[in-house]
Full PDB file with SEQRES, HELIX, SHEET, SSBOND, CRYST1, ORIGX, SCALE, CONECT and MASTER records, all heavy atoms in Angstrom:
SEQRES   1 A   35  VAL THR VAL VAL ALA ARG GLY ASP LEU ILE ILE LEU ASP          
SEQRES   2 A   35  GLN ILE GLU LYS GLN LEU ASN LYS LEU GLU ASP VAL VAL          
SEQRES   3 A   35  ASP ILE LYS LYS LEU GLU PRO GLY ARG                          
HELIX    1 AA1 LEU A    9  LYS A   21  1                                  13    
CRYST1    1.000    1.000    1.000  90.00  90.00  90.00 P 1           1          
ORIGX1      1.000000  0.000000  0.000000        0.00000                         
ORIGX2      0.000000  1.000000  0.000000        0.00000                         
ORIGX3      0.000000  0.000000  1.000000        0.00000                         
SCALE1      1.000000  0.000000  0.000000        0.00000                         
SCALE2      0.000000  1.000000  0.000000        0.00000                         
SCALE3      0.000000  0.000000  1.000000        0.00000                         
ATOM      1  N   VAL A   1       3.002  65.161 -24.772  1.00  0.00           N  
ATOM      2  CA  VAL A   1       4.306  64.631 -25.139  1.00  0.00           C  
ATOM      3  C   VAL A   1       4.232  64.303 -26.629  1.00  0.00           C  
ATOM      4  O   VAL A   1       3.330  63.583 -27.056  1.00  0.00           O  
ATOM      5  CB  VAL A   1       4.638  63.348 -24.339  1.00  0.00           C  
ATOM      6  CG1 VAL A   1       5.980  62.780 -24.757  1.00  0.00           C  
ATOM      7  CG2 VAL A   1       4.590  63.609 -22.842  1.00  0.00           C  
ATOM      8  N   THR A   2       5.144  64.849 -27.403  1.00  0.00           N  
ATOM      9  CA  THR A   2       5.214  64.521 -28.828  1.00  0.00           C  
ATOM     10  C   THR A   2       6.468  63.694 -29.043  1.00  0.00           C  
ATOM     11  O   THR A   2       7.571  64.151 -28.733  1.00  0.00           O  
ATOM     12  CB  THR A   2       5.244  65.793 -29.698  1.00  0.00           C  
ATOM     13  OG1 THR A   2       4.142  66.630 -29.345  1.00  0.00           O  
ATOM     14  CG2 THR A   2       5.160  65.441 -31.169  1.00  0.00           C  
ATOM     15  N   VAL A   3       6.270  62.476 -29.532  1.00  0.00           N  
ATOM     16  CA  VAL A   3       7.378  61.551 -29.767  1.00  0.00           C  
ATOM     17  C   VAL A   3       7.416  61.205 -31.253  1.00  0.00           C  
ATOM     18  O   VAL A   3       6.385  60.845 -31.825  1.00  0.00           O  
ATOM     19  CB  VAL A   3       7.222  60.249 -28.949  1.00  0.00           C  
ATOM     20  CG1 VAL A   3       8.353  59.278 -29.259  1.00  0.00           C  
ATOM     21  CG2 VAL A   3       7.153  60.535 -27.466  1.00  0.00           C  
ATOM     22  N   VAL A   4       8.601  61.300 -31.837  1.00  0.00           N  
ATOM     23  CA  VAL A   4       8.804  60.859 -33.213  1.00  0.00           C  
ATOM     24  C   VAL A   4       9.661  59.603 -33.155  1.00  0.00           C  
ATOM     25  O   VAL A   4      10.713  59.599 -32.511  1.00  0.00           O  
ATOM     26  CB  VAL A   4       9.498  61.942 -34.067  1.00  0.00           C  
ATOM     27  CG1 VAL A   4       9.700  61.448 -35.496  1.00  0.00           C  
ATOM     28  CG2 VAL A   4       8.701  63.236 -34.046  1.00  0.00           C  
ATOM     29  N   ALA A   5       9.152  58.541 -33.790  1.00  0.00           N  
ATOM     30  CA  ALA A   5       9.873  57.267 -33.811  1.00  0.00           C  
ATOM     31  C   ALA A   5       9.870  56.718 -35.234  1.00  0.00           C  
ATOM     32  O   ALA A   5       8.997  57.057 -36.034  1.00  0.00           O  
ATOM     33  CB  ALA A   5       9.224  56.280 -32.850  1.00  0.00           C  
ATOM     34  N   ARG A   6      10.844  55.866 -35.523  1.00  0.00           N  
ATOM     35  CA  ARG A   6      10.943  55.218 -36.834  1.00  0.00           C  
ATOM     36  C   ARG A   6      10.951  53.704 -36.646  1.00  0.00           C  
ATOM     37  O   ARG A   6      11.445  53.196 -35.653  1.00  0.00           O  
ATOM     38  CB  ARG A   6      12.235  55.619 -37.543  1.00  0.00           C  
ATOM     39  CG  ARG A   6      12.275  57.040 -37.982  1.00  0.00           C  
ATOM     40  CD  ARG A   6      13.557  57.343 -38.766  1.00  0.00           C  
ATOM     41  NE  ARG A   6      13.714  58.764 -38.957  1.00  0.00           N  
ATOM     42  CZ  ARG A   6      13.145  59.448 -39.933  1.00  0.00           C  
ATOM     43  NH1 ARG A   6      12.413  58.822 -40.807  1.00  0.00           N  
ATOM     44  NH2 ARG A   6      13.314  60.741 -40.035  1.00  0.00           N  
ATOM     45  N   GLY A   7      10.415  53.028 -37.643  1.00  0.00           N  
ATOM     46  CA  GLY A   7      10.424  51.574 -37.640  1.00  0.00           C  
ATOM     47  C   GLY A   7       9.479  51.053 -38.695  1.00  0.00           C  
ATOM     48  O   GLY A   7       8.825  51.825 -39.398  1.00  0.00           O  
ATOM     49  N   ASP A   8       9.376  49.743 -38.771  1.00  0.00           N  
ATOM     50  CA  ASP A   8       8.385  49.182 -39.688  1.00  0.00           C  
ATOM     51  C   ASP A   8       7.018  49.261 -39.008  1.00  0.00           C  
ATOM     52  O   ASP A   8       6.905  49.638 -37.830  1.00  0.00           O  
ATOM     53  CB  ASP A   8       8.759  47.762 -40.110  1.00  0.00           C  
ATOM     54  CG  ASP A   8       8.881  46.794 -38.938  1.00  0.00           C  
ATOM     55  OD1 ASP A   8       8.166  46.976 -37.933  1.00  0.00           O  
ATOM     56  OD2 ASP A   8       9.681  45.851 -39.031  1.00  0.00           O  
ATOM     57  N   LEU A   9       5.963  48.916 -39.733  1.00  0.00           N  
ATOM     58  CA  LEU A   9       4.606  49.052 -39.188  1.00  0.00           C  
ATOM     59  C   LEU A   9       4.408  48.240 -37.918  1.00  0.00           C  
ATOM     60  O   LEU A   9       3.719  48.679 -36.994  1.00  0.00           O  
ATOM     61  CB  LEU A   9       3.569  48.662 -40.247  1.00  0.00           C  
ATOM     62  CG  LEU A   9       3.391  49.658 -41.385  1.00  0.00           C  
ATOM     63  CD1 LEU A   9       2.402  49.132 -42.410  1.00  0.00           C  
ATOM     64  CD2 LEU A   9       2.941  51.005 -40.860  1.00  0.00           C  
ATOM     65  N   ILE A  10       5.010  47.075 -37.849  1.00  0.00           N  
ATOM     66  CA  ILE A  10       4.862  46.221 -36.658  1.00  0.00           C  
ATOM     67  C   ILE A  10       5.468  46.919 -35.442  1.00  0.00           C  
ATOM     68  O   ILE A  10       4.853  46.971 -34.371  1.00  0.00           O  
ATOM     69  CB  ILE A  10       5.515  44.843 -36.893  1.00  0.00           C  
ATOM     70  CG1 ILE A  10       4.725  44.091 -37.975  1.00  0.00           C  
ATOM     71  CG2 ILE A  10       5.581  44.040 -35.602  1.00  0.00           C  
ATOM     72  CD1 ILE A  10       5.396  42.832 -38.485  1.00  0.00           C  
ATOM     73  N   ILE A  11       6.659  47.467 -35.592  1.00  0.00           N  
ATOM     74  CA  ILE A  11       7.332  48.169 -34.485  1.00  0.00           C  
ATOM     75  C   ILE A  11       6.520  49.387 -34.069  1.00  0.00           C  
ATOM     76  O   ILE A  11       6.293  49.623 -32.872  1.00  0.00           O  
ATOM     77  CB  ILE A  11       8.760  48.602 -34.891  1.00  0.00           C  
ATOM     78  CG1 ILE A  11       9.650  47.397 -35.154  1.00  0.00           C  
ATOM     79  CG2 ILE A  11       9.378  49.533 -33.861  1.00  0.00           C  
ATOM     80  CD1 ILE A  11      10.000  46.583 -33.931  1.00  0.00           C  
ATOM     81  N   LEU A  12       6.066  50.197 -35.040  1.00  0.00           N  
ATOM     82  CA  LEU A  12       5.315  51.416 -34.713  1.00  0.00           C  
ATOM     83  C   LEU A  12       3.993  51.089 -34.024  1.00  0.00           C  
ATOM     84  O   LEU A  12       3.594  51.775 -33.083  1.00  0.00           O  
ATOM     85  CB  LEU A  12       5.101  52.251 -35.972  1.00  0.00           C  
ATOM     86  CG  LEU A  12       6.392  52.803 -36.594  1.00  0.00           C  
ATOM     87  CD1 LEU A  12       6.106  53.443 -37.946  1.00  0.00           C  
ATOM     88  CD2 LEU A  12       7.070  53.784 -35.660  1.00  0.00           C  
ATOM     89  N   ASP A  13       3.320  50.035 -34.466  1.00  0.00           N  
ATOM     90  CA  ASP A  13       2.082  49.611 -33.796  1.00  0.00           C  
ATOM     91  C   ASP A  13       2.379  49.113 -32.380  1.00  0.00           C  
ATOM     92  O   ASP A  13       1.612  49.362 -31.454  1.00  0.00           O  
ATOM     93  CB  ASP A  13       1.366  48.530 -34.606  1.00  0.00           C  
ATOM     94  CG  ASP A  13       0.731  49.077 -35.877  1.00  0.00           C  
ATOM     95  OD1 ASP A  13       0.536  50.313 -35.973  1.00  0.00           O  
ATOM     96  OD2 ASP A  13       0.422  48.266 -36.775  1.00  0.00           O  
ATOM     97  N   GLN A  14       3.501  48.425 -32.223  1.00  0.00           N  
ATOM     98  CA  GLN A  14       3.901  47.937 -30.896  1.00  0.00           C  
ATOM     99  C   GLN A  14       4.192  49.107 -29.960  1.00  0.00           C  
ATOM    100  O   GLN A  14       3.813  49.087 -28.788  1.00  0.00           O  
ATOM    101  CB  GLN A  14       5.138  47.030 -31.015  1.00  0.00           C  
ATOM    102  CG  GLN A  14       5.501  46.337 -29.740  1.00  0.00           C  
ATOM    103  CD  GLN A  14       4.446  45.341 -29.286  1.00  0.00           C  
ATOM    104  OE1 GLN A  14       3.766  44.745 -30.077  1.00  0.00           O  
ATOM    105  NE2 GLN A  14       4.307  45.187 -27.986  1.00  0.00           N  
ATOM    106  N   ILE A  15       4.846  50.149 -30.470  1.00  0.00           N  
ATOM    107  CA  ILE A  15       5.115  51.342 -29.655  1.00  0.00           C  
ATOM    108  C   ILE A  15       3.801  51.925 -29.158  1.00  0.00           C  
ATOM    109  O   ILE A  15       3.654  52.234 -27.969  1.00  0.00           O  
ATOM    110  CB  ILE A  15       5.923  52.387 -30.457  1.00  0.00           C  
ATOM    111  CG1 ILE A  15       7.358  51.902 -30.661  1.00  0.00           C  
ATOM    112  CG2 ILE A  15       5.899  53.752 -29.765  1.00  0.00           C  
ATOM    113  CD1 ILE A  15       8.175  52.755 -31.621  1.00  0.00           C  
ATOM    114  N   GLU A  16       2.840  52.078 -30.058  1.00  0.00           N  
ATOM    115  CA  GLU A  16       1.538  52.642 -29.668  1.00  0.00           C  
ATOM    116  C   GLU A  16       0.853  51.782 -28.609  1.00  0.00           C  
ATOM    117  O   GLU A  16       0.324  52.305 -27.620  1.00  0.00           O  
ATOM    118  CB  GLU A  16       0.647  52.796 -30.900  1.00  0.00           C  
ATOM    119  CG  GLU A  16      -0.657  53.495 -30.593  1.00  0.00           C  
ATOM    120  CD  GLU A  16      -1.481  53.785 -31.832  1.00  0.00           C  
ATOM    121  OE1 GLU A  16      -1.069  53.431 -32.952  1.00  0.00           O  
ATOM    122  OE2 GLU A  16      -2.562  54.378 -31.660  1.00  0.00           O  
ATOM    123  N   LYS A  17       0.881  50.477 -28.773  1.00  0.00           N  
ATOM    124  CA  LYS A  17       0.251  49.571 -27.791  1.00  0.00           C  
ATOM    125  C   LYS A  17       0.936  49.670 -26.436  1.00  0.00           C  
ATOM    126  O   LYS A  17       0.262  49.693 -25.391  1.00  0.00           O  
ATOM    127  CB  LYS A  17       0.287  48.132 -28.303  1.00  0.00           C  
ATOM    128  CG  LYS A  17      -0.663  47.877 -29.450  1.00  0.00           C  
ATOM    129  CD  LYS A  17      -0.494  46.472 -29.992  1.00  0.00           C  
ATOM    130  CE  LYS A  17      -1.329  46.300 -31.243  1.00  0.00           C  
ATOM    131  NZ  LYS A  17      -1.059  45.016 -31.899  1.00  0.00           N  
ATOM    132  N   GLN A  18       2.259  49.722 -26.439  1.00  0.00           N  
ATOM    133  CA  GLN A  18       2.999  49.816 -25.175  1.00  0.00           C  
ATOM    134  C   GLN A  18       2.751  51.154 -24.485  1.00  0.00           C  
ATOM    135  O   GLN A  18       2.621  51.209 -23.259  1.00  0.00           O  
ATOM    136  CB  GLN A  18       4.496  49.602 -25.417  1.00  0.00           C  
ATOM    137  CG  GLN A  18       4.858  48.210 -25.873  1.00  0.00           C  
ATOM    138  CD  GLN A  18       4.503  47.158 -24.839  1.00  0.00           C  
ATOM    139  OE1 GLN A  18       4.705  47.336 -23.649  1.00  0.00           O  
ATOM    140  NE2 GLN A  18       3.960  46.048 -25.304  1.00  0.00           N  
ATOM    141  N   LEU A  19       2.661  52.236 -25.262  1.00  0.00           N  
ATOM    142  CA  LEU A  19       2.354  53.544 -24.676  1.00  0.00           C  
ATOM    143  C   LEU A  19       0.960  53.541 -24.042  1.00  0.00           C  
ATOM    144  O   LEU A  19       0.757  54.098 -22.965  1.00  0.00           O  
ATOM    145  CB  LEU A  19       2.449  54.650 -25.739  1.00  0.00           C  
ATOM    146  CG  LEU A  19       3.848  55.040 -26.179  1.00  0.00           C  
ATOM    147  CD1 LEU A  19       3.788  55.929 -27.422  1.00  0.00           C  
ATOM    148  CD2 LEU A  19       4.601  55.741 -25.059  1.00  0.00           C  
ATOM    149  N   ASN A  20       0.004  52.915 -24.718  1.00  0.00           N  
ATOM    150  CA  ASN A  20      -1.366  52.841 -24.195  1.00  0.00           C  
ATOM    151  C   ASN A  20      -1.447  52.102 -22.866  1.00  0.00           C  
ATOM    152  O   ASN A  20      -2.366  52.332 -22.083  1.00  0.00           O  
ATOM    153  CB  ASN A  20      -2.296  52.174 -25.210  1.00  0.00           C  
ATOM    154  CG  ASN A  20      -3.031  53.182 -26.048  1.00  0.00           C  
ATOM    155  OD1 ASN A  20      -3.513  54.188 -25.545  1.00  0.00           O  
ATOM    156  ND2 ASN A  20      -3.101  52.928 -27.342  1.00  0.00           N  
ATOM    157  N   LYS A  21      -0.493  51.215 -22.597  1.00  0.00           N  
ATOM    158  CA  LYS A  21      -0.486  50.456 -21.343  1.00  0.00           C  
ATOM    159  C   LYS A  21       0.000  51.283 -20.152  1.00  0.00           C  
ATOM    160  O   LYS A  21      -0.230  50.913 -19.007  1.00  0.00           O  
ATOM    161  CB  LYS A  21       0.403  49.219 -21.478  1.00  0.00           C  
ATOM    162  CG  LYS A  21      -0.186  48.148 -22.353  1.00  0.00           C  
ATOM    163  CD  LYS A  21       0.750  46.953 -22.393  1.00  0.00           C  
ATOM    164  CE  LYS A  21       0.220  45.856 -23.268  1.00  0.00           C  
ATOM    165  NZ  LYS A  21       1.121  44.683 -23.257  1.00  0.00           N  
ATOM    166  N   LEU A  22       0.685  52.395 -20.434  1.00  0.00           N  
ATOM    167  CA  LEU A  22       1.226  53.196 -19.342  1.00  0.00           C  
ATOM    168  C   LEU A  22       0.096  53.889 -18.585  1.00  0.00           C  
ATOM    169  O   LEU A  22      -0.813  54.469 -19.183  1.00  0.00           O  
ATOM    170  CB  LEU A  22       2.228  54.231 -19.875  1.00  0.00           C  
ATOM    171  CG  LEU A  22       3.499  53.663 -20.497  1.00  0.00           C  
ATOM    172  CD1 LEU A  22       4.354  54.783 -21.075  1.00  0.00           C  
ATOM    173  CD2 LEU A  22       4.294  52.860 -19.486  1.00  0.00           C  
ATOM    174  N   GLU A  23       0.172  53.838 -17.280  1.00  0.00           N  
ATOM    175  CA  GLU A  23      -0.861  54.353 -16.387  1.00  0.00           C  
ATOM    176  C   GLU A  23      -1.177  55.832 -16.592  1.00  0.00           C  
ATOM    177  O   GLU A  23      -2.326  56.251 -16.523  1.00  0.00           O  
ATOM    178  CB  GLU A  23      -0.385  54.106 -14.951  1.00  0.00           C  
ATOM    179  CG  GLU A  23      -1.278  54.591 -13.876  1.00  0.00           C  
ATOM    180  CD  GLU A  23      -0.695  54.259 -12.522  1.00  0.00           C  
ATOM    181  OE1 GLU A  23      -0.205  53.131 -12.328  1.00  0.00           O  
ATOM    182  OE2 GLU A  23      -0.722  55.148 -11.654  1.00  0.00           O  
ATOM    183  N   ASP A  24      -0.172  56.631 -16.855  1.00  0.00           N  
ATOM    184  CA  ASP A  24      -0.352  58.086 -16.956  1.00  0.00           C  
ATOM    185  C   ASP A  24      -0.865  58.555 -18.314  1.00  0.00           C  
ATOM    186  O   ASP A  24      -1.191  59.718 -18.473  1.00  0.00           O  
ATOM    187  CB  ASP A  24       0.974  58.787 -16.673  1.00  0.00           C  
ATOM    188  CG  ASP A  24       1.530  58.448 -15.307  1.00  0.00           C  
ATOM    189  OD1 ASP A  24       0.810  58.666 -14.325  1.00  0.00           O  
ATOM    190  OD2 ASP A  24       2.669  57.960 -15.228  1.00  0.00           O  
ATOM    191  N   VAL A  25      -0.905  57.658 -19.299  1.00  0.00           N  
ATOM    192  CA  VAL A  25      -1.322  58.041 -20.647  1.00  0.00           C  
ATOM    193  C   VAL A  25      -2.841  58.144 -20.703  1.00  0.00           C  
ATOM    194  O   VAL A  25      -3.556  57.201 -20.402  1.00  0.00           O  
ATOM    195  CB  VAL A  25      -0.791  57.047 -21.697  1.00  0.00           C  
ATOM    196  CG1 VAL A  25      -1.391  57.331 -23.069  1.00  0.00           C  
ATOM    197  CG2 VAL A  25       0.735  57.115 -21.760  1.00  0.00           C  
ATOM    198  N   VAL A  26      -3.326  59.327 -21.083  1.00  0.00           N  
ATOM    199  CA  VAL A  26      -4.762  59.600 -21.173  1.00  0.00           C  
ATOM    200  C   VAL A  26      -5.264  59.363 -22.601  1.00  0.00           C  
ATOM    201  O   VAL A  26      -6.345  58.822 -22.807  1.00  0.00           O  
ATOM    202  CB  VAL A  26      -5.045  61.064 -20.734  1.00  0.00           C  
ATOM    203  CG1 VAL A  26      -6.506  61.417 -20.899  1.00  0.00           C  
ATOM    204  CG2 VAL A  26      -4.586  61.282 -19.302  1.00  0.00           C  
ATOM    205  N   ASP A  27      -4.464  59.770 -23.595  1.00  0.00           N  
ATOM    206  CA  ASP A  27      -4.885  59.659 -24.991  1.00  0.00           C  
ATOM    207  C   ASP A  27      -3.649  59.667 -25.886  1.00  0.00           C  
ATOM    208  O   ASP A  27      -2.651  60.310 -25.562  1.00  0.00           O  
ATOM    209  CB  ASP A  27      -5.800  60.843 -25.353  1.00  0.00           C  
ATOM    210  CG  ASP A  27      -6.390  60.744 -26.744  1.00  0.00           C  
ATOM    211  OD1 ASP A  27      -6.847  59.649 -27.123  1.00  0.00           O  
ATOM    212  OD2 ASP A  27      -6.394  61.767 -27.462  1.00  0.00           O  
ATOM    213  N   ILE A  28      -3.736  58.943 -27.003  1.00  0.00           N  
ATOM    214  CA  ILE A  28      -2.665  58.941 -27.995  1.00  0.00           C  
ATOM    215  C   ILE A  28      -3.292  59.206 -29.350  1.00  0.00           C  
ATOM    216  O   ILE A  28      -4.304  58.610 -29.708  1.00  0.00           O  
ATOM    217  CB  ILE A  28      -1.922  57.591 -28.052  1.00  0.00           C  
ATOM    218  CG1 ILE A  28      -1.241  57.276 -26.731  1.00  0.00           C  
ATOM    219  CG2 ILE A  28      -0.897  57.591 -29.186  1.00  0.00           C  
ATOM    220  CD1 ILE A  28      -0.555  55.924 -26.707  1.00  0.00           C  
ATOM    221  N   LYS A  29      -2.653  60.112 -30.106  1.00  0.00           N  
ATOM    222  CA  LYS A  29      -3.044  60.373 -31.494  1.00  0.00           C  
ATOM    223  C   LYS A  29      -1.822  60.166 -32.368  1.00  0.00           C  
ATOM    224  O   LYS A  29      -0.710  60.520 -31.973  1.00  0.00           O  
ATOM    225  CB  LYS A  29      -3.518  61.817 -31.679  1.00  0.00           C  
ATOM    226  CG  LYS A  29      -4.771  62.172 -30.959  1.00  0.00           C  
ATOM    227  CD  LYS A  29      -5.102  63.639 -31.219  1.00  0.00           C  
ATOM    228  CE  LYS A  29      -6.169  64.102 -30.259  1.00  0.00           C  
ATOM    229  NZ  LYS A  29      -6.430  65.525 -30.386  1.00  0.00           N  
ATOM    230  N   LYS A  30      -2.042  59.610 -33.540  1.00  0.00           N  
ATOM    231  CA  LYS A  30      -0.994  59.571 -34.558  1.00  0.00           C  
ATOM    232  C   LYS A  30      -1.198  60.821 -35.401  1.00  0.00           C  
ATOM    233  O   LYS A  30      -2.282  61.033 -35.943  1.00  0.00           O  
ATOM    234  CB  LYS A  30      -1.109  58.323 -35.421  1.00  0.00           C  
ATOM    235  CG  LYS A  30      -0.809  57.048 -34.665  1.00  0.00           C  
ATOM    236  CD  LYS A  30      -0.905  55.841 -35.550  1.00  0.00           C  
ATOM    237  CE  LYS A  30      -2.363  55.434 -35.607  1.00  0.00           C  
ATOM    238  NZ  LYS A  30      -2.586  54.154 -36.259  1.00  0.00           N  
ATOM    239  N   LEU A  31      -0.185  61.665 -35.480  1.00  0.00           N  
ATOM    240  CA  LEU A  31      -0.280  62.884 -36.275  1.00  0.00           C  
ATOM    241  C   LEU A  31       0.125  62.557 -37.708  1.00  0.00           C  
ATOM    242  O   LEU A  31       1.306  62.397 -38.011  1.00  0.00           O  
ATOM    243  CB  LEU A  31       0.591  63.991 -35.683  1.00  0.00           C  
ATOM    244  CG  LEU A  31       0.217  64.440 -34.272  1.00  0.00           C  
ATOM    245  CD1 LEU A  31       1.132  65.570 -33.815  1.00  0.00           C  
ATOM    246  CD2 LEU A  31      -1.247  64.862 -34.197  1.00  0.00           C  
ATOM    247  N   GLU A  32      -0.874  62.417 -38.556  1.00  0.00           N  
ATOM    248  CA  GLU A  32      -0.666  62.038 -39.954  1.00  0.00           C  
ATOM    249  C   GLU A  32      -0.345  63.269 -40.793  1.00  0.00           C  
ATOM    250  O   GLU A  32      -0.963  64.318 -40.612  1.00  0.00           O  
ATOM    251  CB  GLU A  32      -1.928  61.364 -40.505  1.00  0.00           C  
ATOM    252  CG  GLU A  32      -2.405  60.152 -39.712  1.00  0.00           C  
ATOM    253  CD  GLU A  32      -1.525  58.929 -39.880  1.00  0.00           C  
ATOM    254  OE1 GLU A  32      -0.682  58.918 -40.804  1.00  0.00           O  
ATOM    255  OE2 GLU A  32      -1.673  57.996 -39.080  1.00  0.00           O  
ATOM    256  N   PRO A  33       0.575  63.147 -41.740  1.00  0.00           N  
ATOM    257  CA  PRO A  33       0.860  64.266 -42.651  1.00  0.00           C  
ATOM    258  C   PRO A  33      -0.425  64.676 -43.383  1.00  0.00           C  
ATOM    259  O   PRO A  33      -1.214  63.837 -43.793  1.00  0.00           O  
ATOM    260  CB  PRO A  33       1.885  63.680 -43.628  1.00  0.00           C  
ATOM    261  CG  PRO A  33       2.471  62.507 -42.921  1.00  0.00           C  
ATOM    262  CD  PRO A  33       1.394  61.974 -42.023  1.00  0.00           C  
ATOM    263  N   GLY A  34      -0.629  65.972 -43.513  1.00  0.00           N  
ATOM    264  CA  GLY A  34      -1.827  66.485 -44.183  1.00  0.00           C  
ATOM    265  C   GLY A  34      -3.027  66.626 -43.262  1.00  0.00           C  
ATOM    266  O   GLY A  34      -3.924  67.414 -43.527  1.00  0.00           O  
ATOM    267  N   ARG A  35      -3.045  65.872 -42.177  1.00  0.00           N  
ATOM    268  CA  ARG A  35      -4.148  65.945 -41.214  1.00  0.00           C  
ATOM    269  C   ARG A  35      -3.689  66.553 -39.903  1.00  0.00           C  
ATOM    270  O   ARG A  35      -4.414  66.532 -38.916  1.00  0.00           O  
ATOM    271  CB  ARG A  35      -4.731  64.548 -40.979  1.00  0.00           C  
ATOM    272  CG  ARG A  35      -5.300  63.945 -42.269  1.00  0.00           C  
ATOM    273  CD  ARG A  35      -6.020  62.695 -42.008  1.00  0.00           C  
ATOM    274  NE  ARG A  35      -7.156  63.008 -41.138  1.00  0.00           N  
ATOM    275  CZ  ARG A  35      -8.093  62.144 -40.829  1.00  0.00           C  
ATOM    276  NH1 ARG A  35      -8.050  60.937 -41.302  1.00  0.00           N  
ATOM    277  NH2 ARG A  35      -9.086  62.487 -40.033  1.00  0.00           N  
TER     278      ARG A  35                                                      
MASTER        0    0    0    1    0    0    0    6  277    1    0    3          
END                                                                             
């Protein structure tokens, strides 16, 4: 699943933490520009 979201750093970090809590989530990567 590729999700694009916008927000300040606090919101974006909160999104990542909440996604990690979901039972079906195996791994999360932040796709950084250039990498």
